[in-house]
C-alpha cells in the first residue's frame, strides 16, 4: 500500500515538473528555409534590373550567365550576400560584367526576396 502512494506521488510530481517546463518554454522559433539556387535564380529572373543587365552582358558575350554558388546554410541564414555572380564559359566574368546580389529572408511573409542587385 505504501509503495503505491510513493509511486503516485512521484508520478504527480513528474507531471507537474513537465507541465512547468513546457509552460515556460514558449512557442518554438519558426525555422528559416534554406535559399536554393533555383529560388535565387528565379528571384533574379523576376528582377527587371538583373534581367536588363544580363541581356546587356549577353550581347557582348552570349556565353555569360548568372552562376549562383550559395554558402552552407547551417545554422539557417536570414541574409545571403553573393559576389561575382556572372560567369562566361564557366569562368569568372571580366570586371565590366561583374555583379552581386543580396537575398533576404522576410519572416513576416515567410519568403526569400532579392534585396539588392548591383552591377
C-alpha atoms as a PDB file:
ATOM      1  CA  UNK A   1       0.000   0.000   0.000  1.00  0.00           C
ATOM      2  CA  UNK A   2       2.753   2.444   0.995  1.00  0.00           C
ATOM      3  CA  UNK A   3       4.643   1.714  -2.248  1.00  0.00           C
ATOM      4  CA  UNK A   4       1.663   2.734  -4.421  1.00  0.00           C
ATOM      5  CA  UNK A   5       1.386   6.096  -2.576  1.00  0.00           C
ATOM      6  CA  UNK A   6       5.046   6.805  -3.266  1.00  0.00           C
ATOM      7  CA  UNK A   7       4.653   5.832  -6.922  1.00  0.00           C
ATOM      8  CA  UNK A   8       1.545   8.014  -7.270  1.00  0.00           C
ATOM      9  CA  UNK A   9       3.338  10.955  -5.621  1.00  0.00           C
ATOM     10  CA  UNK A  10       6.342  10.561  -7.950  1.00  0.00           C
ATOM     11  CA  UNK A  11       4.026  10.452 -10.950  1.00  0.00           C
ATOM     12  CA  UNK A  12       2.188  13.631  -9.879  1.00  0.00           C
ATOM     13  CA  UNK A  13       5.450  15.474  -9.180  1.00  0.00           C
ATOM     14  CA  UNK A  14       6.865  14.347 -12.514  1.00  0.00           C
ATOM     15  CA  UNK A  15       3.746  15.513 -14.369  1.00  0.00           C
ATOM     16  CA  UNK A  16       3.848  18.885 -12.598  1.00  0.00           C
ATOM     17  CA  UNK A  17       7.547  19.245 -13.443  1.00  0.00           C
ATOM     18  CA  UNK A  18       6.931  18.511 -17.127  1.00  0.00           C
ATOM     19  CA  UNK A  19       3.987  20.903 -17.157  1.00  0.00           C
ATOM     20  CA  UNK A  20       6.200  23.625 -15.714  1.00  0.00           C
ATOM     21  CA  UNK A  21       8.954  23.023 -18.273  1.00  0.00           C
ATOM     22  CA  UNK A  22       6.534  23.130 -21.222  1.00  0.00           C
ATOM     23  CA  UNK A  23       4.728  26.223 -19.922  1.00  0.00           C
ATOM     24  CA  UNK A  24       7.991  28.164 -19.609  1.00  0.00           C
ATOM     25  CA  UNK A  25       9.436  27.271 -22.980  1.00  0.00           C
ATOM     26  CA  UNK A  26       7.051  29.327 -25.201  1.00  0.00           C
ATOM     27  CA  UNK A  27       6.322  28.580 -28.851  1.00  0.00           C
ATOM     28  CA  UNK A  28       9.123  27.157 -30.983  1.00  0.00           C
ATOM     29  CA  UNK A  29      11.012  29.602 -33.172  1.00  0.00           C
ATOM     30  CA  UNK A  30       9.992  29.389 -36.819  1.00  0.00           C
ATOM     31  CA  UNK A  31      12.668  27.821 -38.958  1.00  0.00           C
ATOM     32  CA  UNK A  32      14.188  29.730 -41.833  1.00  0.00           C
ATOM     33  CA  UNK A  33      14.070  27.662 -45.024  1.00  0.00           C
ATOM     34  CA  UNK A  34      17.288  27.418 -46.970  1.00  0.00           C
ATOM     35  CA  UNK A  35      17.655  29.553 -50.090  1.00  0.00           C
ATOM     36  CA  UNK A  36      18.052  27.161 -53.003  1.00  0.00           C
ATOM     37  CA  UNK A  37      19.997  28.006 -56.168  1.00  0.00           C
ATOM     38  CA  UNK A  38      16.754  27.547 -58.141  1.00  0.00           C
ATOM     39  CA  UNK A  39      14.864  30.049 -55.972  1.00  0.00           C
ATOM     40  CA  UNK A  40      17.752  32.534 -56.121  1.00  0.00           C
ATOM     41  CA  UNK A  41      17.818  32.259 -59.932  1.00  0.00           C
ATOM     42  CA  UNK A  42      14.045  32.703 -60.051  1.00  0.00           C
ATOM     43  CA  UNK A  43      14.281  35.860 -57.928  1.00  0.00           C
ATOM     44  CA  UNK A  44      16.907  37.242 -60.310  1.00  0.00           C
ATOM     45  CA  UNK A  45      14.683  36.358 -63.286  1.00  0.00           C
ATOM     46  CA  UNK A  46      11.840  38.422 -61.801  1.00  0.00           C
ATOM     47  CA  UNK A  47      14.064  41.438 -61.173  1.00  0.00           C
ATOM     48  CA  UNK A  48      13.950  43.885 -64.089  1.00  0.00           C
ATOM     49  CA  UNK A  49      17.352  45.407 -63.356  1.00  0.00           C
ATOM     50  CA  UNK A  50      19.043  41.977 -63.195  1.00  0.00           C
ATOM     51  CA  UNK A  51      17.402  40.895 -66.452  1.00  0.00           C
ATOM     52  CA  UNK A  52      18.403  44.112 -68.244  1.00  0.00           C
ATOM     53  CA  UNK A  53      21.967  43.653 -67.015  1.00  0.00           C
ATOM     54  CA  UNK A  54      22.295  40.024 -68.134  1.00  0.00           C
ATOM     55  CA  UNK A  55      20.738  40.882 -71.513  1.00  0.00           C
ATOM     56  CA  UNK A  56      23.380  43.604 -71.967  1.00  0.00           C
ATOM     57  CA  UNK A  57      26.158  41.192 -70.954  1.00  0.00           C
ATOM     58  CA  UNK A  58      24.911  38.504 -73.355  1.00  0.00           C
ATOM     59  CA  UNK A  59      25.009  40.983 -76.240  1.00  0.00           C
ATOM     60  CA  UNK A  60      28.720  41.332 -75.553  1.00  0.00           C
ATOM     61  CA  UNK A  61      29.323  37.647 -74.799  1.00  0.00           C
ATOM     62  CA  UNK A  62      26.489  35.108 -75.318  1.00  0.00           C
ATOM     63  CA  UNK A  63      28.321  32.546 -73.159  1.00  0.00           C
ATOM     64  CA  UNK A  64      27.776  34.610 -69.995  1.00  0.00           C
ATOM     65  CA  UNK A  65      25.156  33.724 -67.396  1.00  0.00           C
ATOM     66  CA  UNK A  66      24.348  34.061 -63.710  1.00  0.00           C
ATOM     67  CA  UNK A  67      26.161  31.485 -61.601  1.00  0.00           C
ATOM     68  CA  UNK A  68      24.919  31.263 -58.028  1.00  0.00           C
ATOM     69  CA  UNK A  69      27.060  29.372 -55.538  1.00  0.00           C
ATOM     70  CA  UNK A  70      25.320  29.560 -52.193  1.00  0.00           C
ATOM     71  CA  UNK A  71      27.114  29.192 -48.857  1.00  0.00           C
ATOM     72  CA  UNK A  72      26.387  26.455 -46.348  1.00  0.00           C
ATOM     73  CA  UNK A  73      23.213  27.500 -44.541  1.00  0.00           C
ATOM     74  CA  UNK A  74      23.692  25.736 -41.218  1.00  0.00           C
ATOM     75  CA  UNK A  75      22.741  27.405 -38.950  1.00  0.00           C
ATOM     76  CA  UNK A  76      19.934  28.965 -41.020  1.00  0.00           C
ATOM     77  CA  UNK A  77      20.845  32.320 -42.546  1.00  0.00           C
ATOM     78  CA  UNK A  78      18.425  35.207 -42.998  1.00  0.00           C
ATOM     79  CA  UNK A  79      20.644  37.194 -45.389  1.00  0.00           C
ATOM     80  CA  UNK A  80      22.966  35.934 -48.092  1.00  0.00           C
ATOM     81  CA  UNK A  81      25.385  38.192 -49.966  1.00  0.00           C
ATOM     82  CA  UNK A  82      26.756  36.836 -53.226  1.00  0.00           C
ATOM     83  CA  UNK A  83      29.502  38.485 -55.222  1.00  0.00           C
ATOM     84  CA  UNK A  84      30.820  37.723 -58.702  1.00  0.00           C
ATOM     85  CA  UNK A  85      27.590  36.026 -59.817  1.00  0.00           C
ATOM     86  CA  UNK A  86      28.310  36.153 -63.563  1.00  0.00           C
ATOM     87  CA  UNK A  87      30.400  33.543 -65.354  1.00  0.00           C
ATOM     88  CA  UNK A  88      31.327  33.371 -69.007  1.00  0.00           C
ATOM     89  CA  UNK A  89      32.034  29.911 -70.439  1.00  0.00           C
ATOM     90  CA  UNK A  90      32.387  28.537 -66.906  1.00  0.00           C
ATOM     91  CA  UNK A  91      34.990  31.098 -65.873  1.00  0.00           C
ATOM     92  CA  UNK A  92      34.636  34.265 -63.794  1.00  0.00           C
ATOM     93  CA  UNK A  93      33.370  37.161 -65.889  1.00  0.00           C
ATOM     94  CA  UNK A  94      35.567  40.163 -66.706  1.00  0.00           C
ATOM     95  CA  UNK A  95      35.252  43.092 -64.292  1.00  0.00           C
ATOM     96  CA  UNK A  96      32.912  45.012 -66.618  1.00  0.00           C
ATOM     97  CA  UNK A  97      30.430  42.124 -66.368  1.00  0.00           C
ATOM     98  CA  UNK A  98      30.758  41.687 -62.599  1.00  0.00           C
ATOM     99  CA  UNK A  99      27.589  41.713 -60.489  1.00  0.00           C
ATOM    100  CA  UNK A 100      26.483  40.919 -56.953  1.00  0.00           C
ATOM    101  CA  UNK A 101      23.216  40.244 -55.166  1.00  0.00           C
ATOM    102  CA  UNK A 102      21.853  40.197 -51.638  1.00  0.00           C
ATOM    103  CA  UNK A 103      18.978  37.902 -50.731  1.00  0.00           C
ATOM    104  CA  UNK A 104      16.959  38.481 -47.561  1.00  0.00           C
ATOM    105  CA  UNK A 105      14.502  36.223 -45.753  1.00  0.00           C
ATOM    106  CA  UNK A 106      11.398  38.102 -44.572  1.00  0.00           C
ATOM    107  CA  UNK A 107       9.888  36.342 -41.542  1.00  0.00           C
ATOM    108  CA  UNK A 108       6.658  38.353 -41.906  1.00  0.00           C
ATOM    109  CA  UNK A 109       5.930  36.844 -45.338  1.00  0.00           C
ATOM    110  CA  UNK A 110       7.909  33.642 -44.832  1.00  0.00           C
ATOM    111  CA  UNK A 111       9.671  34.140 -48.170  1.00  0.00           C
ATOM    112  CA  UNK A 112      13.081  34.967 -49.578  1.00  0.00           C
ATOM    113  CA  UNK A 113      13.412  38.175 -51.606  1.00  0.00           C
ATOM    114  CA  UNK A 114      16.093  39.870 -53.673  1.00  0.00           C
ATOM    115  CA  UNK A 115      17.101  42.817 -51.505  1.00  0.00           C
ATOM    116  CA  UNK A 116      19.816  44.247 -53.750  1.00  0.00           C
ATOM    117  CA  UNK A 117      21.246  43.668 -57.212  1.00  0.00           C
ATOM    118  CA  UNK A 118      24.379  45.561 -58.118  1.00  0.00           C
ATOM    119  CA  UNK A 119      26.396  45.637 -61.314  1.00  0.00           C
END
